Amino acid sequence: MPLVYGVYAPNAPNLIDPEVFGGVGRETVLALRGLAVDARHRPEAVLVASPHWLSPREFLVEESPAPRQIFDFTGFPPRLREFRYAPPGDPALARALLDEGRARGLPVRGSGAWGLDHGAWAPLLHLLPDANRPTVPLSITSRSPDEHRAWGEAIGAACAASPRRIAFVATGSITHRLDRMELSATARWPEGEALEREVVDLLLARRYDEVARFDPGKWARLAPEGNLAPLFELVGALGPAFVPRRVATGQAFGAAGMTVLEFTPPPGPAAGQPERARSP
């Protein structure tokens, strides 16, 4: 069955509990919860690509039946470490992804050494709060956007061979200028907001090649998290037919973009729905 849903969401620690940060991120959390992913799309398994899991050259897939929760942040209020998100893993799905990647000659390898870093679980905490769907974490690499899209295409093909409904969550911020961070609820960076709109407009138009070749000077000023590698994996896996929609936008602390994009399939059998019987 083809993938049934995709979403690109920010993963900043303030999203774990915005109230600890004076409410910064509250609107983003409400937008993530408002997507009602479980009710609308009924995923039976989840893939999640986080920019925090960076492997040097190989694309890694977490094979653990119980991925550990990783608190990969420091200097934030202790309350953030009280949140628990521990879905089961899915070794069989992980193996299917690896088999497809290897069949295509891609540099892929299984791993049991990682888990769910906060780049993965901070948005999942609101997208699928029950934490009961088998979840497979995916790494990014230093390879090109085209290579991440090729790996995404292999992921999409492996999912299409599965009978289950699978959703793909990619995370990160289009603007990720932590050197500009101001711990103020009113901090803004207008230039960054304008540049991020340029990238988002290209994504909404499905002009992914142009995003991959975005103006280098502007790209450097935005410093997108993980060079948007999780997003390139996502769009490769979903294919060109999925329709992107801007769910939310904004900025946190004048440094991190809060854009949320969801990707839904066209109506009909491609969306993973049974085809209606036709009258003779």
Protein backbone atom coordinates (compact mmCIF):
# COMPACT_ATOMS: atom_id res chain seq x y z
CA MET A 1 0.00 0.00 0.00
CA PRO A 2 1.44 3.42 -0.84
CA LEU A 3 2.27 5.77 1.98
CA VAL A 4 -0.94 7.36 3.24
CA TYR A 5 0.34 10.61 4.73
CA GLY A 6 3.35 12.85 5.20
CA VAL A 7 4.15 15.82 7.40
CA TYR A 8 7.13 18.12 7.84
CA ALA A 9 7.19 19.62 11.33
CA PRO A 10 9.60 21.60 13.52
CA ASN A 11 11.24 19.84 16.44
CA ALA A 12 12.51 22.60 18.74
CA PRO A 13 12.54 21.72 22.47
CA ASN A 14 10.05 24.48 23.25
CA LEU A 15 7.41 22.40 21.45
CA ILE A 16 7.67 19.72 24.13
CA ASP A 17 6.03 22.11 26.59
CA PRO A 18 5.56 25.68 25.30
CA GLU A 19 4.34 26.92 28.68
CA VAL A 20 7.83 26.45 30.10
CA PHE A 21 8.99 28.95 27.47
CA GLY A 22 6.35 31.58 28.10
CA GLY A 23 4.00 30.09 25.51
CA VAL A 24 6.47 30.20 22.60
CA GLY A 25 5.40 27.41 20.27
CA ARG A 26 1.86 27.09 21.62
CA GLU A 27 0.26 27.84 18.25
CA THR A 28 2.52 25.30 16.54
CA VAL A 29 1.58 22.61 19.04
CA LEU A 30 -2.11 23.35 18.53
CA ALA A 31 -1.59 23.11 14.77
CA LEU A 32 0.15 19.73 15.10
CA ARG A 33 -2.57 18.36 17.34
CA GLY A 34 -5.22 19.80 15.03
CA LEU A 35 -3.97 17.63 12.17
CA ALA A 36 -5.68 14.70 13.91
CA VAL A 37 -3.38 12.28 12.10
CA ASP A 38 -4.77 9.18 13.81
CA ALA A 39 -8.42 10.00 13.11
CA ARG A 40 -7.91 11.25 9.56
CA HIS A 41 -5.32 8.80 8.22
CA ARG A 42 -5.26 5.80 10.58
CA PRO A 43 -1.56 4.97 10.21
CA GLU A 44 -0.54 1.49 11.31
CA ALA A 45 3.18 2.32 11.31
CA VAL A 46 5.29 5.47 11.24
CA LEU A 47 8.61 6.42 9.68
CA VAL A 48 10.38 9.42 11.18
CA ALA A 49 13.45 11.19 9.78
CA SER A 50 15.21 13.52 12.19
CA PRO A 51 18.06 15.93 11.36
CA HIS A 52 19.58 15.05 14.74
CA TRP A 53 20.57 11.57 13.58
CA LEU A 54 23.39 12.36 11.20
CA SER A 55 25.40 9.43 9.87
CA PRO A 56 28.56 10.24 7.89
CA ARG A 57 27.85 8.46 4.59
CA GLU A 58 25.38 5.60 4.97
CA PHE A 59 21.63 5.94 5.40
CA LEU A 60 20.83 4.21 8.69
CA VAL A 61 17.56 2.59 9.70
CA GLU A 62 16.79 1.83 13.35
CA GLU A 63 15.95 -1.88 13.64
CA SER A 64 15.28 -2.04 17.37
CA PRO A 65 11.93 -3.52 18.52
CA ALA A 66 11.93 -0.87 21.27
CA PRO A 67 13.72 2.35 20.21
CA ARG A 68 15.02 4.22 23.23
CA GLN A 69 13.95 7.79 23.91
CA ILE A 70 16.92 10.15 23.67
CA PHE A 71 17.03 13.48 25.54
CA ASP A 72 19.59 15.11 23.26
CA PHE A 73 19.44 18.65 24.63
CA THR A 74 21.07 20.56 27.46
CA GLY A 75 20.50 23.84 29.22
CA PHE A 76 16.70 23.62 29.14
CA PRO A 77 14.27 23.38 32.08
CA PRO A 78 14.35 19.95 33.80
CA ARG A 79 10.62 19.53 33.21
CA LEU A 80 11.27 18.65 29.56
CA ARG A 81 12.91 15.41 30.70
CA GLU A 82 9.71 14.31 32.41
CA PHE A 83 7.95 13.66 29.10
CA ARG A 84 7.91 10.07 27.91
CA TYR A 85 7.42 8.90 24.34
CA ALA A 86 8.18 5.22 23.79
CA PRO A 87 6.39 3.58 20.85
CA PRO A 88 7.39 0.08 19.75
CA GLY A 89 9.78 -0.35 16.86
CA ASP A 90 9.18 -2.33 13.71
CA PRO A 91 12.14 -4.54 12.75
CA ALA A 92 10.27 -6.13 9.84
CA LEU A 93 9.49 -2.77 8.26
CA ALA A 94 13.07 -1.63 8.86
CA ARG A 95 14.36 -4.73 7.04
CA ALA A 96 12.00 -4.08 4.13
CA LEU A 97 13.39 -0.55 3.74
CA LEU A 98 16.95 -1.84 3.87
CA ASP A 99 16.25 -4.60 1.35
CA GLU A 100 14.80 -2.10 -1.12
CA GLY A 101 17.68 0.31 -0.61
CA ARG A 102 20.25 -2.42 -1.18
CA ALA A 103 18.43 -3.67 -4.25
CA ARG A 104 18.85 -0.16 -5.70
CA GLY A 105 22.52 -0.04 -4.85
CA LEU A 106 22.13 2.62 -2.17
CA PRO A 107 24.46 2.91 0.84
CA VAL A 108 22.09 1.72 3.58
CA ARG A 109 22.67 -0.10 6.84
CA GLY A 110 20.62 -1.21 9.81
CA SER A 111 21.38 0.08 13.29
CA GLY A 112 20.31 -0.71 16.81
CA ALA A 113 22.36 1.99 18.47
CA TRP A 114 20.15 5.07 18.11
CA GLY A 115 16.45 5.46 18.87
CA LEU A 116 14.11 8.46 19.01
CA ASP A 117 16.01 11.70 19.58
CA HIS A 118 14.00 14.78 20.48
CA GLY A 119 14.12 15.78 16.81
CA ALA A 120 11.81 12.82 16.29
CA TRP A 121 9.74 12.57 19.44
CA ALA A 122 9.08 16.28 20.14
CA PRO A 123 6.67 16.59 17.17
CA LEU A 124 5.42 12.98 17.44
CA LEU A 125 4.37 13.79 20.99
CA HIS A 126 1.63 15.97 19.49
CA LEU A 127 1.05 14.30 16.11
CA LEU A 128 0.47 10.80 17.57
CA PRO A 129 0.31 11.30 21.33
CA ASP A 130 -0.71 7.73 22.17
CA ALA A 131 2.76 6.48 21.11
CA ASN A 132 1.26 3.12 20.16
CA ARG A 133 2.21 2.93 16.47
CA PRO A 134 5.30 0.93 15.51
CA THR A 135 7.88 3.59 14.65
CA VAL A 136 11.06 3.34 12.57
CA PRO A 137 13.63 6.17 12.91
CA LEU A 138 15.71 7.12 9.86
CA SER A 139 19.01 8.99 9.71
CA ILE A 140 20.20 11.66 7.34
CA THR A 141 23.69 11.94 5.86
CA SER A 142 26.03 14.53 4.40
CA ARG A 143 25.00 13.41 0.91
CA SER A 144 23.18 15.62 -1.61
CA PRO A 145 19.46 16.40 -1.72
CA ASP A 146 19.17 14.23 -4.84
CA GLU A 147 20.66 11.26 -3.01
CA HIS A 148 18.24 11.76 -0.11
CA ARG A 149 15.36 11.85 -2.58
CA ALA A 150 16.62 8.63 -4.18
CA TRP A 151 16.68 6.97 -0.75
CA GLY A 152 13.18 8.36 -0.20
CA GLU A 153 12.02 6.75 -3.44
CA ALA A 154 13.32 3.40 -2.20
CA ILE A 155 11.46 3.96 1.08
CA GLY A 156 8.27 4.72 -0.83
CA ALA A 157 8.62 1.56 -2.92
CA ALA A 158 9.14 -0.58 0.17
CA CYS A 159 6.05 0.91 1.80
CA ALA A 160 4.01 0.29 -1.36
CA ALA A 161 4.79 -3.42 -0.99
CA SER A 162 3.41 -3.45 2.56
CA PRO A 163 -0.28 -4.14 3.29
CA ARG A 164 -0.23 -1.57 6.11
CA ARG A 165 -1.03 2.11 6.21
CA ILE A 166 2.23 3.94 6.82
CA ALA A 167 2.82 7.63 7.56
CA PHE A 168 6.12 9.49 7.12
CA VAL A 169 7.10 12.29 9.51
CA ALA A 170 10.13 14.46 8.64
CA THR A 171 11.28 17.13 11.04
CA GLY A 172 13.34 20.28 11.22
CA SER A 173 13.25 24.04 10.75
CA ILE A 174 13.67 25.78 7.40
CA THR A 175 15.21 28.71 9.28
CA HIS A 176 17.72 27.47 11.84
CA ARG A 177 19.92 30.41 12.83
CA LEU A 178 20.69 29.54 16.44
CA ASP A 179 23.38 32.23 16.46
CA ARG A 180 20.52 34.75 16.32
CA MET A 181 18.51 33.22 19.16
CA GLU A 182 16.90 35.60 21.65
CA LEU A 183 15.04 34.05 24.57
CA SER A 184 12.11 36.38 24.09
CA ALA A 185 8.56 35.57 23.06
CA THR A 186 8.53 38.61 20.77
CA ALA A 187 11.88 38.08 19.02
CA ARG A 188 11.63 38.10 15.23
CA TRP A 189 13.91 38.07 12.21
CA PRO A 190 11.99 39.59 9.26
CA GLU A 191 14.65 38.73 6.68
CA GLY A 192 14.57 35.08 7.74
CA GLU A 193 10.79 35.05 7.55
CA ALA A 194 10.89 36.42 4.00
CA LEU A 195 13.51 33.89 2.88
CA GLU A 196 11.59 31.04 4.46
CA ARG A 197 8.47 32.09 2.55
CA GLU A 198 10.47 31.75 -0.68
CA VAL A 199 11.36 28.16 0.18
CA VAL A 200 7.84 27.31 1.31
CA ASP A 201 6.30 28.75 -1.85
CA LEU A 202 8.54 26.46 -3.94
CA LEU A 203 7.55 23.49 -1.80
CA LEU A 204 3.85 24.28 -2.14
CA ALA A 205 4.33 24.41 -5.91
CA ARG A 206 6.15 21.03 -5.73
CA ARG A 207 9.23 22.59 -7.30
CA TYR A 208 11.52 20.38 -5.27
CA ASP A 209 14.42 20.57 -7.72
CA GLU A 210 14.50 24.33 -7.22
CA VAL A 211 14.57 23.92 -3.45
CA ALA A 212 17.52 21.53 -3.84
CA ARG A 213 19.31 24.20 -5.88
CA PHE A 214 18.18 27.25 -3.93
CA ASP A 215 20.35 30.36 -4.05
CA PRO A 216 23.45 29.44 -1.99
CA GLY A 217 23.73 32.85 -0.36
CA LYS A 218 20.13 32.81 0.81
CA TRP A 219 20.47 29.18 1.89
CA ALA A 220 23.48 30.09 4.02
CA ARG A 221 21.56 32.90 5.70
CA LEU A 222 18.68 30.54 6.52
CA ALA A 223 21.01 27.66 7.55
CA PRO A 224 18.16 25.11 7.21
CA GLU A 225 18.32 22.38 9.83
CA GLY A 226 20.01 19.32 8.41
CA ASN A 227 20.04 21.04 5.01
CA LEU A 228 16.40 19.88 4.82
CA ALA A 229 17.61 16.29 4.26
CA PRO A 230 14.60 14.82 6.15
CA LEU A 231 12.29 16.82 3.88
CA PHE A 232 14.05 15.54 0.75
CA GLU A 233 13.66 11.97 2.03
CA LEU A 234 9.98 12.68 2.62
CA VAL A 235 9.21 14.11 -0.82
CA GLY A 236 11.18 11.30 -2.46
CA ALA A 237 9.14 8.72 -0.58
CA LEU A 238 5.78 10.37 -1.27
CA GLY A 239 6.36 11.11 -4.95
CA PRO A 240 5.08 14.04 -7.00
CA ALA A 241 1.37 13.23 -6.69
CA PHE A 242 1.12 14.09 -2.99
CA VAL A 243 -0.30 17.56 -2.41
CA PRO A 244 1.48 19.83 0.08
CA ARG A 245 -0.41 22.27 2.30
CA ARG A 246 0.91 24.90 4.68
CA VAL A 247 -0.59 24.22 8.09
CA ALA A 248 1.28 26.77 10.18
CA THR A 249 4.19 29.15 10.00
CA GLY A 250 6.02 31.54 12.30
CA GLN A 251 9.27 31.85 14.16
CA ALA A 252 10.59 30.90 17.59
CA PHE A 253 13.04 33.18 19.38
CA GLY A 254 13.86 34.97 16.12
CA ALA A 255 15.95 32.00 15.05
CA ALA A 256 13.94 28.85 14.25
CA GLY A 257 11.23 28.52 11.63
CA MET A 258 7.99 26.91 12.80
CA THR A 259 6.56 26.01 9.40
CA VAL A 260 4.39 22.89 9.35
CA LEU A 261 3.55 21.30 6.01
CA GLU A 262 1.32 18.30 5.46
CA PHE A 263 1.32 16.15 2.33
CA THR A 264 -1.82 14.26 1.38
CA PRO A 265 -2.35 11.86 -1.50
CA PRO A 266 -4.78 12.57 -4.33
CA PRO A 267 -8.21 11.04 -3.77
CA GLY A 268 -8.84 7.50 -4.87
CA PRO A 269 -6.86 4.26 -4.70
CA ALA A 270 -3.51 6.14 -4.61
CA ALA A 271 -4.50 7.40 -1.18
CA GLY A 272 -4.55 3.87 0.15
CA GLN A 273 -8.32 3.62 0.03
CA PRO A 274 -10.15 0.66 -1.51
CA GLU A 275 -11.53 1.35 -4.95
CA ARG A 276 -15.30 1.40 -5.05
CA ALA A 277 -16.97 -1.27 -7.06
CA ARG A 278 -18.37 0.03 -10.31
CA SER A 279 -21.84 -0.70 -11.49
CA PRO A 280 -21.95 -3.01 -14.52
